[in-house]
């Protein structure tokens, strides 16, 4: 299925909703473009790390959990050069 897009005077194109849905992208997401031979290009959604994936990434199994006050104290000591 070919989809025709129009290039504006500024050299921009707008991707139609069905193209965005096919790529699985939403406003604010990034796209990677690979320029291929014969005037072709390949367009892919650029997968980033979601915010949800960040939670728990610093967890240390078996280590005690720190309170907010303990984390603030550790951060302050780090900034002061005290470790």
N, C-alpha and C. Protein backbone atom coordinates (compact mmCIF):
# COMPACT_ATOMS: atom_id res chain seq x y z
N UNK A 1 0.84 -1.18 0.00
CA UNK A 1 0.00 0.00 0.00
C UNK A 1 0.89 1.24 0.00
N UNK A 2 0.85 2.01 -1.03
CA UNK A 2 1.65 3.23 -1.12
C UNK A 2 0.86 4.41 -0.54
N UNK A 3 1.54 5.23 0.23
CA UNK A 3 0.94 6.43 0.80
C UNK A 3 1.72 7.62 0.24
N UNK A 4 1.04 8.57 -0.33
CA UNK A 4 1.70 9.74 -0.91
C UNK A 4 1.67 10.88 0.09
N UNK A 5 2.84 11.47 0.32
CA UNK A 5 2.97 12.62 1.21
C UNK A 5 3.43 13.82 0.39
N UNK A 6 3.10 15.02 0.84
CA UNK A 6 3.47 16.24 0.14
C UNK A 6 4.57 16.97 0.90
N UNK A 7 5.57 17.43 0.18
CA UNK A 7 6.66 18.20 0.78
C UNK A 7 6.27 19.67 0.76
N UNK A 8 6.40 20.35 1.91
CA UNK A 8 6.05 21.77 1.99
C UNK A 8 7.19 22.62 1.43
N UNK A 9 6.95 23.92 1.33
CA UNK A 9 7.98 24.85 0.85
C UNK A 9 9.19 24.87 1.78
N UNK A 10 8.99 24.50 3.06
CA UNK A 10 10.09 24.45 4.02
C UNK A 10 10.81 23.11 3.99
N UNK A 11 10.41 22.20 3.10
CA UNK A 11 11.04 20.89 3.00
C UNK A 11 10.56 19.91 4.05
N UNK A 12 9.39 20.13 4.59
CA UNK A 12 8.85 19.26 5.63
C UNK A 12 7.73 18.39 5.07
N UNK A 13 7.52 17.25 5.73
CA UNK A 13 6.38 16.40 5.41
C UNK A 13 5.63 16.11 6.70
N UNK A 14 4.36 15.83 6.56
CA UNK A 14 3.55 15.41 7.71
C UNK A 14 3.20 13.95 7.50
N UNK A 15 3.50 13.13 8.51
CA UNK A 15 3.16 11.72 8.42
C UNK A 15 1.71 11.53 8.85
N UNK A 16 0.97 10.79 8.05
CA UNK A 16 -0.44 10.56 8.34
C UNK A 16 -0.60 9.62 9.53
N UNK A 17 -1.77 9.67 10.14
CA UNK A 17 -2.04 8.88 11.34
C UNK A 17 -1.78 7.40 11.14
N UNK A 18 -2.13 6.87 9.97
CA UNK A 18 -1.92 5.44 9.76
C UNK A 18 -0.44 5.08 9.69
N UNK A 19 0.39 6.02 9.23
CA UNK A 19 1.84 5.79 9.20
C UNK A 19 2.38 5.80 10.63
N UNK A 20 1.95 6.77 11.42
CA UNK A 20 2.39 6.86 12.82
C UNK A 20 1.94 5.63 13.60
N UNK A 21 0.72 5.19 13.36
CA UNK A 21 0.22 4.00 14.06
C UNK A 21 1.03 2.77 13.65
N UNK A 22 1.36 2.66 12.36
CA UNK A 22 2.15 1.53 11.88
C UNK A 22 3.53 1.50 12.55
N UNK A 23 4.12 2.68 12.75
CA UNK A 23 5.43 2.78 13.39
C UNK A 23 5.33 2.67 14.91
N UNK A 24 4.13 2.84 15.45
CA UNK A 24 3.95 2.78 16.89
C UNK A 24 4.50 4.00 17.61
N UNK A 25 4.44 5.16 16.96
CA UNK A 25 4.97 6.38 17.57
C UNK A 25 3.84 7.32 17.95
N UNK A 26 4.16 8.17 18.92
CA UNK A 26 3.24 9.18 19.41
C UNK A 26 3.93 10.52 19.41
N UNK A 27 3.21 11.61 19.62
CA UNK A 27 3.85 12.93 19.66
C UNK A 27 5.01 12.95 20.66
N UNK A 28 6.12 13.51 20.23
CA UNK A 28 7.31 13.58 21.08
C UNK A 28 8.29 12.45 20.86
N UNK A 29 7.84 11.34 20.25
CA UNK A 29 8.76 10.23 19.95
C UNK A 29 9.71 10.64 18.84
N UNK A 30 10.80 9.91 18.72
CA UNK A 30 11.80 10.19 17.69
C UNK A 30 11.79 9.09 16.65
N UNK A 31 12.24 9.43 15.44
CA UNK A 31 12.33 8.49 14.34
C UNK A 31 13.75 8.45 13.82
N UNK A 32 14.21 7.29 13.40
CA UNK A 32 15.50 7.13 12.74
C UNK A 32 15.25 7.01 11.24
N UNK A 33 16.05 7.71 10.44
CA UNK A 33 15.95 7.63 9.00
C UNK A 33 17.28 7.15 8.46
N UNK A 34 17.27 6.05 7.70
CA UNK A 34 18.45 5.56 7.00
C UNK A 34 18.28 5.90 5.53
N UNK A 35 19.27 6.59 4.96
CA UNK A 35 19.23 6.91 3.54
C UNK A 35 19.82 5.75 2.76
N UNK A 36 19.04 5.19 1.85
CA UNK A 36 19.44 4.04 1.07
C UNK A 36 19.72 4.47 -0.36
N UNK A 37 20.21 3.57 -1.17
CA UNK A 37 20.47 3.88 -2.57
C UNK A 37 19.20 4.12 -3.36
N UNK A 38 19.35 4.62 -4.57
CA UNK A 38 18.24 4.84 -5.50
C UNK A 38 17.19 5.80 -4.96
N UNK A 39 17.59 6.76 -4.10
CA UNK A 39 16.65 7.75 -3.59
C UNK A 39 15.65 7.21 -2.60
N UNK A 40 15.94 6.10 -1.98
CA UNK A 40 15.03 5.51 -1.00
C UNK A 40 15.51 5.82 0.42
N UNK A 41 14.61 5.64 1.36
CA UNK A 41 14.97 5.78 2.77
C UNK A 41 14.20 4.75 3.57
N UNK A 42 14.73 4.46 4.75
CA UNK A 42 14.06 3.55 5.67
C UNK A 42 13.76 4.33 6.93
N UNK A 43 12.53 4.28 7.39
CA UNK A 43 12.07 5.03 8.56
C UNK A 43 11.70 4.05 9.65
N UNK A 44 12.25 4.26 10.86
CA UNK A 44 11.95 3.38 12.01
C UNK A 44 11.73 4.24 13.24
N UNK A 45 10.90 3.74 14.11
CA UNK A 45 10.74 4.44 15.39
C UNK A 45 11.99 4.20 16.21
N UNK A 46 12.43 5.24 16.90
CA UNK A 46 13.61 5.13 17.75
C UNK A 46 13.13 4.75 19.13
N UNK A 47 13.48 3.59 19.54
CA UNK A 47 13.02 3.09 20.83
C UNK A 47 13.91 3.65 21.94
N UNK A 48 13.28 4.29 22.90
CA UNK A 48 13.99 4.80 24.05
C UNK A 48 13.60 4.01 25.28
N UNK A 49 14.13 4.41 26.39
CA UNK A 49 13.78 3.78 27.64
C UNK A 49 12.57 4.49 28.21
N UNK A 50 11.54 3.75 28.50
CA UNK A 50 10.36 4.37 29.07
C UNK A 50 10.62 4.72 30.53
N UNK A 51 9.86 5.64 31.03
CA UNK A 51 10.01 6.05 32.42
C UNK A 51 9.76 4.87 33.35
N UNK A 52 8.81 4.02 33.01
CA UNK A 52 8.49 2.86 33.85
C UNK A 52 9.68 1.92 33.97
N UNK A 53 10.52 1.85 32.95
CA UNK A 53 11.67 0.94 32.99
C UNK A 53 12.75 1.41 33.95
N UNK A 54 12.72 2.68 34.32
CA UNK A 54 13.73 3.24 35.21
C UNK A 54 13.52 2.81 36.66
N UNK A 55 12.26 2.65 37.05
CA UNK A 55 11.97 2.29 38.44
C UNK A 55 12.60 0.95 38.79
N UNK A 56 13.33 0.92 39.86
CA UNK A 56 13.93 -0.30 40.35
C UNK A 56 15.26 -0.65 39.72
N UNK A 57 15.77 0.17 38.81
CA UNK A 57 17.01 -0.19 38.13
C UNK A 57 18.23 -0.11 39.05
N UNK A 58 18.13 0.62 40.15
CA UNK A 58 19.23 0.71 41.10
C UNK A 58 19.04 -0.21 42.31
N UNK A 59 18.02 -1.02 42.25
CA UNK A 59 17.73 -1.92 43.38
C UNK A 59 18.89 -2.89 43.60
N UNK A 60 19.21 -3.10 44.85
CA UNK A 60 20.26 -4.06 45.23
C UNK A 60 19.60 -5.11 46.11
N UNK A 61 19.35 -6.28 45.56
CA UNK A 61 18.69 -7.32 46.34
C UNK A 61 19.46 -7.60 47.64
N UNK A 62 18.73 -7.66 48.75
CA UNK A 62 19.34 -7.94 50.04
C UNK A 62 19.84 -6.70 50.77
N UNK A 63 19.97 -5.58 50.07
CA UNK A 63 20.45 -4.34 50.70
C UNK A 63 19.26 -3.64 51.36
N UNK A 64 19.51 -2.96 52.48
CA UNK A 64 18.40 -2.27 53.13
C UNK A 64 17.92 -1.09 52.28
N UNK A 65 16.63 -0.80 52.38
CA UNK A 65 16.08 0.34 51.66
C UNK A 65 16.41 1.61 52.44
N UNK A 66 16.70 2.68 51.70
CA UNK A 66 17.02 3.95 52.34
C UNK A 66 15.77 4.82 52.41
N UNK A 67 15.69 5.61 53.47
CA UNK A 67 14.60 6.57 53.57
C UNK A 67 14.95 7.78 52.69
N UNK A 68 13.99 8.64 52.48
CA UNK A 68 14.23 9.85 51.69
C UNK A 68 15.29 10.70 52.37
N UNK A 69 15.24 10.78 53.69
CA UNK A 69 16.23 11.56 54.43
C UNK A 69 17.64 10.99 54.24
N UNK A 70 17.76 9.66 54.28
CA UNK A 70 19.07 9.03 54.08
C UNK A 70 19.58 9.26 52.66
N UNK A 71 18.68 9.22 51.68
CA UNK A 71 19.09 9.49 50.30
C UNK A 71 19.54 10.94 50.15
N UNK A 72 18.81 11.88 50.76
CA UNK A 72 19.19 13.29 50.69
C UNK A 72 20.55 13.52 51.35
N UNK A 73 20.79 12.86 52.47
CA UNK A 73 22.07 12.99 53.17
C UNK A 73 23.21 12.44 52.31
N UNK A 74 23.00 11.29 51.69
CA UNK A 74 24.02 10.71 50.83
C UNK A 74 24.31 11.62 49.63
N UNK A 75 23.26 12.19 49.06
CA UNK A 75 23.44 13.10 47.92
C UNK A 75 24.21 14.34 48.35
N UNK A 76 23.87 14.90 49.51
CA UNK A 76 24.56 16.10 50.01
C UNK A 76 26.04 15.80 50.27
N UNK A 77 26.33 14.64 50.83
CA UNK A 77 27.72 14.26 51.09
C UNK A 77 28.48 14.09 49.77
N UNK A 78 27.82 13.52 48.78
CA UNK A 78 28.45 13.34 47.47
C UNK A 78 28.79 14.67 46.84
N UNK A 79 27.89 15.63 46.92
CA UNK A 79 28.15 16.95 46.35
C UNK A 79 29.24 17.67 47.12
N UNK A 80 29.36 17.40 48.42
CA UNK A 80 30.39 18.06 49.23
C UNK A 80 31.73 17.36 49.09
N UNK A 81 31.79 16.26 48.36
CA UNK A 81 33.03 15.53 48.18
C UNK A 81 33.33 14.58 49.31
N UNK A 82 32.37 14.33 50.18
CA UNK A 82 32.54 13.42 51.31
C UNK A 82 31.93 12.07 50.94
N UNK A 83 32.70 11.03 51.04
CA UNK A 83 32.13 9.71 50.71
C UNK A 83 32.35 8.74 51.81
